[in-house]
Amino acid sequence: MSDKKKKTKLGRFLASINFGKAADVVGKLISGNIPGAIAAISDKDNGLSEEERAYALQVMKLDIEEMESVTERWSSDMASDSWLSKNVRPMSLIFLTISTMVLIYLDSFSENIEVGEEWIELLKSLLLGVYIAYFGSRGIEKYRTISK
């Protein structure tokens, strides 16, 4: 199962029923193409039963609500007078990106450095989570602006 599918309840559900287009649907959802994700799930010829389709749409609604609540929290952070609350997301993104580049550099050019697999997995999970949250929330914000 790809990391993208693991990030949402919808992705976990679609993967559990071996839905072939799960990554595509979740990618649309995360990137803010909510109408595209809804259309892919609602399509009668996608191989889902009526019950699976209804459940998937319900789970998608929960994922959207969760993403919107994160966006609301971030909006309130931006309205705050605190420098740290306004900059923690970009600083996390920069730190994790630099950490990844340092590990890639060390792994590529040094024969003596060995980074444990568990640290690589942790960094990968954190980096994917931050990138998806940071850039995916932008898509949801755009969708909300357009839909109003």
N, C-alpha and C. Protein backbone atom coordinates (compact mmCIF):
# COMPACT_ATOMS: atom_id res chain seq x y z
N MET A 1 0.85 -1.17 0.00
CA MET A 1 0.00 0.00 0.00
C MET A 1 0.90 1.23 0.00
N SER A 2 0.59 2.16 -0.88
CA SER A 2 1.42 3.36 -0.94
C SER A 2 1.16 4.25 0.27
N ASP A 3 2.13 5.12 0.57
CA ASP A 3 2.00 6.03 1.71
C ASP A 3 0.84 6.98 1.52
N LYS A 4 0.57 7.39 0.28
CA LYS A 4 -0.51 8.31 0.03
C LYS A 4 -1.85 7.70 0.46
N LYS A 5 -2.06 6.42 0.18
CA LYS A 5 -3.31 5.77 0.54
C LYS A 5 -3.45 5.61 2.04
N LYS A 6 -2.34 5.48 2.77
CA LYS A 6 -2.39 5.29 4.22
C LYS A 6 -2.79 6.55 4.96
N LYS A 7 -2.69 7.71 4.34
CA LYS A 7 -2.85 8.98 5.04
C LYS A 7 -4.30 9.34 5.33
N THR A 8 -5.25 8.73 4.69
CA THR A 8 -6.64 9.08 4.90
C THR A 8 -7.46 7.84 5.22
N LYS A 9 -8.58 8.06 5.91
CA LYS A 9 -9.51 6.96 6.19
C LYS A 9 -10.04 6.37 4.89
N LEU A 10 -10.31 7.25 3.93
CA LEU A 10 -10.80 6.80 2.63
C LEU A 10 -9.78 5.89 1.96
N GLY A 11 -8.50 6.29 1.99
CA GLY A 11 -7.46 5.48 1.38
C GLY A 11 -7.34 4.11 2.01
N ARG A 12 -7.41 4.08 3.34
CA ARG A 12 -7.33 2.78 4.03
C ARG A 12 -8.52 1.90 3.67
N PHE A 13 -9.72 2.49 3.59
CA PHE A 13 -10.90 1.71 3.22
C PHE A 13 -10.78 1.19 1.79
N LEU A 14 -10.44 2.06 0.84
CA LEU A 14 -10.35 1.64 -0.55
C LEU A 14 -9.27 0.58 -0.75
N ALA A 15 -8.16 0.72 -0.03
CA ALA A 15 -7.10 -0.29 -0.11
C ALA A 15 -7.57 -1.62 0.48
N SER A 16 -8.38 -1.56 1.54
CA SER A 16 -8.84 -2.80 2.18
C SER A 16 -9.76 -3.60 1.28
N ILE A 17 -10.45 -2.93 0.35
CA ILE A 17 -11.33 -3.66 -0.58
C ILE A 17 -10.67 -3.83 -1.95
N ASN A 18 -9.35 -3.53 -2.01
CA ASN A 18 -8.56 -3.69 -3.24
C ASN A 18 -9.13 -2.89 -4.41
N PHE A 19 -9.54 -1.66 -4.13
CA PHE A 19 -10.02 -0.76 -5.18
C PHE A 19 -8.81 -0.28 -5.98
N GLY A 20 -8.78 -0.57 -7.25
CA GLY A 20 -7.61 -0.32 -8.08
C GLY A 20 -7.23 1.14 -8.24
N LYS A 21 -8.19 2.04 -8.13
CA LYS A 21 -7.91 3.47 -8.34
C LYS A 21 -7.81 4.22 -7.02
N ALA A 22 -7.50 3.53 -5.93
CA ALA A 22 -7.47 4.15 -4.60
C ALA A 22 -6.46 5.30 -4.55
N ALA A 23 -5.26 5.09 -5.07
CA ALA A 23 -4.24 6.13 -5.01
C ALA A 23 -4.67 7.36 -5.80
N ASP A 24 -5.31 7.14 -6.94
CA ASP A 24 -5.78 8.26 -7.76
C ASP A 24 -6.85 9.06 -7.02
N VAL A 25 -7.81 8.37 -6.41
CA VAL A 25 -8.90 9.04 -5.68
C VAL A 25 -8.34 9.81 -4.49
N VAL A 26 -7.47 9.18 -3.72
CA VAL A 26 -6.90 9.83 -2.55
C VAL A 26 -6.01 11.00 -2.97
N GLY A 27 -5.28 10.85 -4.05
CA GLY A 27 -4.46 11.94 -4.57
C GLY A 27 -5.31 13.15 -4.92
N LYS A 28 -6.45 12.90 -5.54
CA LYS A 28 -7.36 14.01 -5.87
C LYS A 28 -7.89 14.66 -4.60
N LEU A 29 -8.25 13.84 -3.62
CA LEU A 29 -8.78 14.35 -2.36
C LEU A 29 -7.74 15.22 -1.65
N ILE A 30 -6.53 14.71 -1.53
CA ILE A 30 -5.47 15.42 -0.81
C ILE A 30 -5.06 16.70 -1.52
N SER A 31 -5.05 16.68 -2.85
CA SER A 31 -4.61 17.85 -3.60
C SER A 31 -5.71 18.92 -3.70
N GLY A 32 -6.89 18.60 -3.18
CA GLY A 32 -7.97 19.59 -3.21
C GLY A 32 -8.94 19.43 -4.35
N ASN A 33 -8.73 18.42 -5.19
CA ASN A 33 -9.66 18.17 -6.29
C ASN A 33 -10.81 17.29 -5.76
N ILE A 34 -11.57 17.87 -4.86
CA ILE A 34 -12.65 17.12 -4.21
C ILE A 34 -13.73 16.71 -5.20
N PRO A 35 -14.14 17.60 -6.13
CA PRO A 35 -15.14 17.14 -7.12
C PRO A 35 -14.65 15.94 -7.94
N GLY A 36 -13.35 15.92 -8.27
CA GLY A 36 -12.79 14.78 -9.00
C GLY A 36 -12.82 13.50 -8.19
N ALA A 37 -12.52 13.62 -6.89
CA ALA A 37 -12.54 12.44 -6.01
C ALA A 37 -13.97 11.93 -5.85
N ILE A 38 -14.91 12.85 -5.68
CA ILE A 38 -16.32 12.45 -5.55
C ILE A 38 -16.80 11.79 -6.83
N ALA A 39 -16.43 12.35 -7.98
CA ALA A 39 -16.84 11.77 -9.26
C ALA A 39 -16.27 10.36 -9.44
N ALA A 40 -15.02 10.16 -9.03
CA ALA A 40 -14.39 8.84 -9.17
C ALA A 40 -15.07 7.80 -8.29
N ILE A 41 -15.50 8.20 -7.10
CA ILE A 41 -16.20 7.28 -6.20
C ILE A 41 -17.63 7.06 -6.66
N SER A 42 -18.28 8.11 -7.14
CA SER A 42 -19.70 8.04 -7.52
C SER A 42 -19.93 7.32 -8.83
N ASP A 43 -18.89 7.16 -9.64
CA ASP A 43 -19.02 6.51 -10.94
C ASP A 43 -19.58 5.09 -10.77
N LYS A 44 -20.66 4.81 -11.45
CA LYS A 44 -21.33 3.51 -11.33
C LYS A 44 -20.50 2.37 -11.91
N ASP A 45 -19.55 2.69 -12.81
CA ASP A 45 -18.74 1.67 -13.47
C ASP A 45 -17.37 1.48 -12.83
N ASN A 46 -17.20 1.91 -11.59
CA ASN A 46 -15.88 1.83 -10.97
C ASN A 46 -15.65 0.52 -10.22
N GLY A 47 -16.63 -0.36 -10.19
CA GLY A 47 -16.46 -1.66 -9.56
C GLY A 47 -16.88 -1.71 -8.09
N LEU A 48 -17.32 -0.60 -7.54
CA LEU A 48 -17.77 -0.59 -6.15
C LEU A 48 -19.26 -0.93 -6.08
N SER A 49 -19.64 -1.66 -5.05
CA SER A 49 -21.06 -1.92 -4.83
C SER A 49 -21.71 -0.65 -4.28
N GLU A 50 -23.03 -0.62 -4.24
CA GLU A 50 -23.74 0.55 -3.71
C GLU A 50 -23.35 0.82 -2.26
N GLU A 51 -23.22 -0.27 -1.48
CA GLU A 51 -22.85 -0.11 -0.07
C GLU A 51 -21.44 0.44 0.07
N GLU A 52 -20.50 -0.10 -0.73
CA GLU A 52 -19.12 0.39 -0.68
C GLU A 52 -19.04 1.84 -1.13
N ARG A 53 -19.80 2.19 -2.18
CA ARG A 53 -19.81 3.56 -2.69
C ARG A 53 -20.34 4.52 -1.63
N ALA A 54 -21.45 4.16 -0.99
CA ALA A 54 -22.04 5.01 0.05
C ALA A 54 -21.08 5.16 1.24
N TYR A 55 -20.47 4.07 1.63
CA TYR A 55 -19.53 4.12 2.75
C TYR A 55 -18.31 4.97 2.38
N ALA A 56 -17.79 4.79 1.16
CA ALA A 56 -16.62 5.55 0.73
C ALA A 56 -16.93 7.05 0.71
N LEU A 57 -18.12 7.43 0.24
CA LEU A 57 -18.49 8.84 0.23
C LEU A 57 -18.62 9.39 1.65
N GLN A 58 -19.14 8.57 2.56
CA GLN A 58 -19.26 8.99 3.96
C GLN A 58 -17.87 9.17 4.59
N VAL A 59 -16.97 8.23 4.32
CA VAL A 59 -15.61 8.32 4.86
C VAL A 59 -14.88 9.52 4.24
N MET A 60 -15.12 9.77 2.95
CA MET A 60 -14.51 10.93 2.29
C MET A 60 -14.97 12.22 2.97
N LYS A 61 -16.25 12.28 3.31
CA LYS A 61 -16.78 13.46 4.00
C LYS A 61 -16.06 13.67 5.33
N LEU A 62 -15.81 12.58 6.06
CA LEU A 62 -15.09 12.67 7.33
C LEU A 62 -13.65 13.16 7.11
N ASP A 63 -12.99 12.66 6.07
CA ASP A 63 -11.64 13.11 5.76
C ASP A 63 -11.62 14.60 5.43
N ILE A 64 -12.60 15.05 4.66
CA ILE A 64 -12.68 16.47 4.28
C ILE A 64 -12.89 17.32 5.53
N GLU A 65 -13.78 16.88 6.41
CA GLU A 65 -14.03 17.62 7.66
C GLU A 65 -12.76 17.69 8.50
N GLU A 66 -12.02 16.60 8.55
CA GLU A 66 -10.77 16.58 9.31
C GLU A 66 -9.76 17.56 8.72
N MET A 67 -9.63 17.57 7.39
CA MET A 67 -8.71 18.48 6.74
C MET A 67 -9.13 19.94 6.93
N GLU A 68 -10.44 20.18 6.90
CA GLU A 68 -10.93 21.54 7.11
C GLU A 68 -10.66 22.01 8.54
N SER A 69 -10.77 21.10 9.51
CA SER A 69 -10.50 21.51 10.90
C SER A 69 -9.02 21.83 11.08
N VAL A 70 -8.15 21.11 10.39
CA VAL A 70 -6.73 21.43 10.44
C VAL A 70 -6.50 22.81 9.82
N THR A 71 -7.16 23.08 8.70
CA THR A 71 -7.05 24.38 8.05
C THR A 71 -7.54 25.49 8.97
N GLU A 72 -8.63 25.24 9.68
CA GLU A 72 -9.15 26.24 10.63
C GLU A 72 -8.15 26.51 11.75
N ARG A 73 -7.52 25.44 12.26
CA ARG A 73 -6.51 25.63 13.30
C ARG A 73 -5.35 26.46 12.79
N TRP A 74 -4.93 26.18 11.56
CA TRP A 74 -3.82 26.93 10.99
C TRP A 74 -4.22 28.37 10.75
N SER A 75 -5.46 28.61 10.35
CA SER A 75 -5.93 29.98 10.16
C SER A 75 -5.90 30.74 11.47
N SER A 76 -6.31 30.10 12.56
CA SER A 76 -6.27 30.77 13.86
C SER A 76 -4.83 31.01 14.29
N ASP A 77 -3.92 30.11 13.94
CA ASP A 77 -2.50 30.34 14.23
C ASP A 77 -1.99 31.57 13.49
N MET A 78 -2.42 31.72 12.25
CA MET A 78 -1.97 32.87 11.46
C MET A 78 -2.54 34.19 12.00
N ALA A 79 -3.70 34.12 12.63
CA ALA A 79 -4.30 35.33 13.21
C ALA A 79 -3.67 35.69 14.55
N SER A 80 -2.89 34.80 15.10
CA SER A 80 -2.25 35.01 16.40
C SER A 80 -1.13 36.06 16.28
N ASP A 81 -0.78 36.63 17.42
CA ASP A 81 0.32 37.59 17.46
C ASP A 81 1.67 36.91 17.66
N SER A 82 1.68 35.61 17.84
CA SER A 82 2.90 34.87 18.12
C SER A 82 3.67 34.57 16.83
N TRP A 83 4.96 34.93 16.82
CA TRP A 83 5.80 34.65 15.66
C TRP A 83 5.94 33.14 15.46
N LEU A 84 6.10 32.41 16.56
CA LEU A 84 6.30 30.97 16.48
C LEU A 84 5.09 30.26 15.87
N SER A 85 3.89 30.61 16.31
CA SER A 85 2.70 29.93 15.77
C SER A 85 2.51 30.21 14.28
N LYS A 86 2.97 31.36 13.82
CA LYS A 86 2.84 31.68 12.40
C LYS A 86 3.90 30.98 11.54
N ASN A 87 5.00 30.60 12.15
CA ASN A 87 6.12 30.08 11.37
C ASN A 87 6.49 28.63 11.65
N VAL A 88 5.77 27.95 12.53
CA VAL A 88 6.14 26.58 12.88
C VAL A 88 5.99 25.63 11.69
N ARG A 89 4.95 25.79 10.87
CA ARG A 89 4.79 24.90 9.71
C ARG A 89 5.89 25.08 8.68
N PRO A 90 6.18 26.31 8.24
CA PRO A 90 7.28 26.45 7.28
C PRO A 90 8.64 26.00 7.86
N MET A 91 8.86 26.29 9.15
CA MET A 91 10.13 25.88 9.77
C MET A 91 10.23 24.35 9.83
N SER A 92 9.12 23.67 10.12
CA SER A 92 9.12 22.20 10.14
C SER A 92 9.41 21.65 8.76
N LEU A 93 8.78 22.24 7.76
CA LEU A 93 8.98 21.82 6.38
C LEU A 93 10.44 22.00 5.97
N ILE A 94 11.02 23.14 6.30
CA ILE A 94 12.42 23.41 5.96
C ILE A 94 13.34 22.45 6.71
N PHE A 95 13.12 22.27 8.01
CA PHE A 95 13.97 21.38 8.80
C PHE A 95 13.94 19.95 8.26
N LEU A 96 12.76 19.42 8.00
CA LEU A 96 12.66 18.04 7.53
C LEU A 96 13.25 17.89 6.13
N THR A 97 13.08 18.88 5.28
CA THR A 97 13.66 18.82 3.94
C THR A 97 15.19 18.84 4.02
N ILE A 98 15.73 19.74 4.85
CA ILE A 98 17.19 19.79 5.02
C ILE A 98 17.71 18.49 5.62
N SER A 99 17.01 17.95 6.62
CA SER A 99 17.42 16.68 7.22
C SER A 99 17.46 15.56 6.19
N THR A 100 16.47 15.52 5.33
CA THR A 100 16.43 14.51 4.28
C THR A 100 17.60 14.68 3.33
N MET A 101 17.86 15.92 2.93
CA MET A 101 18.98 16.17 2.01
C MET A 101 20.32 15.80 2.65
N VAL A 102 20.49 16.08 3.93
CA VAL A 102 21.73 15.72 4.63
C VAL A 102 21.89 14.20 4.65
N LEU A 103 20.82 13.47 4.94
CA LEU A 103 20.90 12.01 4.95
C LEU A 103 21.21 11.47 3.55
N ILE A 104 20.62 12.06 2.54
CA ILE A 104 20.92 11.63 1.17
C ILE A 104 22.39 11.88 0.85
N TYR A 105 22.87 13.06 1.22
CA TYR A 105 24.27 13.40 0.98
C TYR A 105 25.19 12.43 1.71
N LEU A 106 24.94 12.21 3.00
CA LEU A 106 25.78 11.31 3.78
C LEU A 106 25.75 9.89 3.23
N ASP A 107 24.57 9.45 2.83
CA ASP A 107 24.44 8.10 2.30
C ASP A 107 25.16 7.96 0.96
N SER A 108 25.17 9.03 0.17
CA SER A 108 25.76 8.97 -1.17
C SER A 108 27.28 9.07 -1.17
N PHE A 109 27.83 9.87 -0.25
CA PHE A 109 29.26 10.17 -0.34
C PHE A 109 30.10 9.61 0.79
N SER A 110 29.51 8.95 1.75
CA SER A 110 30.29 8.43 2.86
C SER A 110 30.05 6.93 2.99
N GLU A 111 31.12 6.19 3.08
CA GLU A 111 31.00 4.75 3.21
C GLU A 111 30.84 4.32 4.67
N ASN A 112 31.20 5.17 5.61
CA ASN A 112 31.18 4.81 7.02
C ASN A 112 29.85 5.11 7.71
N ILE A 113 29.03 5.93 7.12
CA ILE A 113 27.77 6.33 7.74
C ILE A 113 26.69 5.33 7.38
N GLU A 114 26.04 4.81 8.41
CA GLU A 114 24.92 3.92 8.18
C GLU A 114 23.75 4.39 9.02
N VAL A 115 22.68 4.78 8.36
CA VAL A 115 21.49 5.27 9.04
C VAL A 115 20.52 4.11 9.17
N GLY A 116 20.03 3.90 10.39
CA GLY A 116 19.11 2.80 10.63
C GLY A 116 17.81 2.95 9.86
N GLU A 117 17.27 1.83 9.44
CA GLU A 117 16.04 1.81 8.66
C GLU A 117 14.89 2.48 9.41
N GLU A 118 14.83 2.30 10.74
CA GLU A 118 13.73 2.90 11.51
C GLU A 118 13.79 4.42 11.49
N TRP A 119 15.01 5.00 11.42
CA TRP A 119 15.13 6.46 11.35
C TRP A 119 14.72 6.98 9.98
N ILE A 120 15.07 6.21 8.96
CA ILE A 120 14.66 6.59 7.61
C ILE A 120 13.15 6.55 7.49
N GLU A 121 12.52 5.49 8.02
CA GLU A 121 11.06 5.39 7.98
C GLU A 121 10.40 6.52 8.75
N LEU A 122 10.95 6.87 9.91
CA LEU A 122 10.40 7.98 10.70
C LEU A 122 10.49 9.29 9.93
N LEU A 123 11.65 9.57 9.38
CA LEU A 123 11.83 10.81 8.62
C LEU A 123 10.92 10.83 7.40
N LYS A 124 10.80 9.69 6.73
CA LYS A 124 9.93 9.61 5.56
C LYS A 124 8.48 9.89 5.94
N SER A 125 8.01 9.29 7.02
CA SER A 125 6.63 9.50 7.46
C SER A 125 6.38 10.95 7.85
N LEU A 126 7.32 11.53 8.61
CA LEU A 126 7.17 12.92 9.00
C LEU A 126 7.17 13.85 7.80
N LEU A 127 8.10 13.63 6.89
CA LEU A 127 8.21 14.49 5.72
C LEU A 127 6.97 14.38 4.84
N LEU A 128 6.49 13.17 4.60
CA LEU A 128 5.27 13.01 3.80
C LEU A 128 4.08 13.67 4.49
N GLY A 129 3.97 13.47 5.79
CA GLY A 129 2.87 14.09 6.52
C GLY A 129 2.89 15.60 6.44
N VAL A 130 4.07 16.19 6.62
CA VAL A 130 4.18 17.65 6.57
C VAL A 130 3.92 18.16 5.16
N TYR A 131 4.49 17.52 4.15
CA TYR A 131 4.26 17.97 2.77
C TYR A 131 2.79 17.85 2.39
N ILE A 132 2.17 16.73 2.71
CA ILE A 132 0.76 16.54 2.37
C ILE A 132 -0.10 17.54 3.12
N ALA A 133 0.17 17.72 4.41
CA ALA A 133 -0.62 18.67 5.18
C ALA A 133 -0.40 20.10 4.70
N TYR A 134 0.84 20.46 4.46
CA TYR A 134 1.15 21.84 4.09
C TYR A 134 0.59 22.18 2.71
N PHE A 135 0.89 21.36 1.72
CA PHE A 135 0.46 21.66 0.37
C PHE A 135 -0.96 21.17 0.10
N GLY A 136 -1.38 20.07 0.71
CA GLY A 136 -2.75 19.58 0.55
C GLY A 136 -3.77 20.54 1.14
N SER A 137 -3.43 21.15 2.28
CA SER A 137 -4.37 22.10 2.89
C SER A 137 -4.55 23.32 2.00
N ARG A 138 -3.52 23.67 1.25
CA ARG A 138 -3.64 24.78 0.32
C ARG A 138 -4.71 24.47 -0.74
N GLY A 139 -4.74 23.23 -1.19
CA GLY A 139 -5.76 22.83 -2.17
C GLY A 139 -7.16 22.92 -1.60
N ILE A 140 -7.31 22.50 -0.36
CA ILE A 140 -8.62 22.57 0.28
C ILE A 140 -9.03 24.02 0.48
N GLU A 141 -8.08 24.87 0.87
CA GLU A 141 -8.39 26.30 1.03
C GLU A 141 -8.85 26.89 -0.30
N LYS A 142 -8.18 26.53 -1.39
CA LYS A 142 -8.56 27.03 -2.71
C LYS A 142 -9.96 26.53 -3.09
N TYR A 143 -10.23 25.26 -2.81
CA TYR A 143 -11.53 24.70 -3.14
C TYR A 143 -12.63 25.43 -2.37
N ARG A 144 -12.40 25.67 -1.07
CA ARG A 144 -13.39 26.36 -0.24
C ARG A 144 -13.63 27.77 -0.76
N THR A 145 -12.55 28.45 -1.18
CA THR A 145 -12.69 29.80 -1.72
C THR A 145 -13.48 29.80 -3.02
N ILE A 146 -13.17 28.86 -3.90
CA ILE A 146 -13.85 28.77 -5.18
C ILE A 146 -15.32 28.39 -5.00
N SER A 147 -15.59 27.45 -4.08
CA SER A 147 -16.96 26.96 -3.91
C SER A 147 -17.88 27.99 -3.26
N LYS A 148 -17.30 28.99 -2.58
CA LYS A 148 -18.13 30.04 -1.97
C LYS A 148 -18.50 31.00 -3.01
